[in-house]
Amino acid sequence: MKKLDNKQLNDLTPGFAITGLITAIGAIATAVTPIVGLIKTATAPTGEIKDKNATYKWEMPTPKVVKPTVDNYITF
């Protein structure tokens, strides 16, 4: 291997940063995926989680829609 001068070294340094950034994108995507799944599961009105030991199911009842009534009174 031969020693590089400063100009050649400055040309190589951004390449290492870009390579490190590309590698980090994969690691970040791998870390974010379970978090997104957890958020979707926590906000879902119905769902099921299966574990090797148990199964957890939930279902939030939908609220009943009640139409407001207005009583009209006529006075003479």
Protein backbone atom coordinates (compact mmCIF):
# COMPACT_ATOMS: atom_id res chain seq x y z
CA MET A 1 0.00 0.00 0.00
CA LYS A 2 1.25 3.45 -0.79
CA LYS A 3 0.70 6.55 1.26
CA LEU A 4 -1.91 9.00 -0.05
CA ASP A 5 -1.40 12.71 -0.19
CA ASN A 6 -3.94 15.13 1.35
CA LYS A 7 -5.85 15.75 -1.90
CA GLN A 8 -6.43 12.05 -2.48
CA LEU A 9 -7.42 11.60 1.16
CA ASN A 10 -9.98 14.41 0.89
CA ASP A 11 -11.46 12.71 -2.17
CA LEU A 12 -11.93 9.42 -0.28
CA THR A 13 -13.40 10.75 2.99
CA PRO A 14 -16.93 11.56 1.64
CA GLY A 15 -17.17 8.04 0.24
CA PHE A 16 -16.71 6.55 3.69
CA ALA A 17 -19.44 8.81 5.09
CA ILE A 18 -21.87 7.83 2.33
CA THR A 19 -21.13 4.14 2.85
CA GLY A 20 -21.72 4.49 6.58
CA LEU A 21 -24.99 6.33 5.97
CA ILE A 22 -26.26 3.66 3.59
CA THR A 23 -25.42 0.98 6.15
CA ALA A 24 -27.21 2.92 8.89
CA ILE A 25 -30.40 3.23 6.81
CA GLY A 26 -30.82 -0.55 6.88
CA ALA A 27 -30.28 -0.68 10.63
CA ILE A 28 -32.76 2.15 11.23
CA ALA A 29 -35.41 0.46 9.07
CA THR A 30 -34.91 -2.78 10.98
CA ALA A 31 -35.34 -0.98 14.31
CA VAL A 32 -38.41 1.05 13.26
CA THR A 33 -40.42 -1.85 11.80
CA PRO A 34 -41.42 -3.47 15.14
CA ILE A 35 -42.25 -0.06 16.62
CA VAL A 36 -44.65 0.70 13.75
CA GLY A 37 -46.30 -2.71 14.22
CA LEU A 38 -46.72 -2.07 17.93
CA ILE A 39 -48.33 1.33 17.30
CA LYS A 40 -50.71 -0.14 14.71
CA THR A 41 -51.66 -2.92 17.12
CA ALA A 42 -52.20 -0.53 20.03
CA THR A 43 -54.49 1.73 18.02
CA ALA A 44 -56.51 -1.00 16.30
CA PRO A 45 -60.12 -1.38 17.51
CA THR A 46 -59.93 -5.16 17.11
CA GLY A 47 -57.03 -7.51 17.00
CA GLU A 48 -55.28 -10.65 18.06
CA ILE A 49 -51.75 -11.36 19.20
CA LYS A 50 -50.54 -14.94 19.22
CA ASP A 51 -47.70 -16.02 21.42
CA LYS A 52 -46.31 -19.52 21.78
CA ASN A 53 -47.96 -19.72 25.21
CA ALA A 54 -51.15 -17.69 24.82
CA THR A 55 -53.44 -15.82 22.47
CA TYR A 56 -54.70 -12.34 23.27
CA LYS A 57 -57.80 -10.99 21.56
CA TRP A 58 -59.57 -7.69 21.98
CA GLU A 59 -62.51 -5.93 20.45
CA MET A 60 -63.61 -2.45 21.35
CA PRO A 61 -67.34 -2.01 20.97
CA THR A 62 -68.44 0.63 18.53
CA PRO A 63 -70.26 3.49 20.20
CA LYS A 64 -73.96 3.76 19.49
CA VAL A 65 -74.94 6.71 17.37
CA VAL A 66 -77.78 8.62 18.97
CA LYS A 67 -79.51 11.31 16.98
CA PRO A 68 -80.22 14.39 19.03
CA THR A 69 -83.89 15.18 19.40
CA VAL A 70 -85.25 18.67 19.62
CA ASP A 71 -88.59 19.22 21.30
CA ASN A 72 -90.63 22.00 19.80
CA TYR A 73 -93.08 23.65 22.16
CA ILE A 74 -95.78 25.96 20.93
CA THR A 75 -97.36 28.34 23.39
CA PHE A 76 -100.51 30.42 22.85
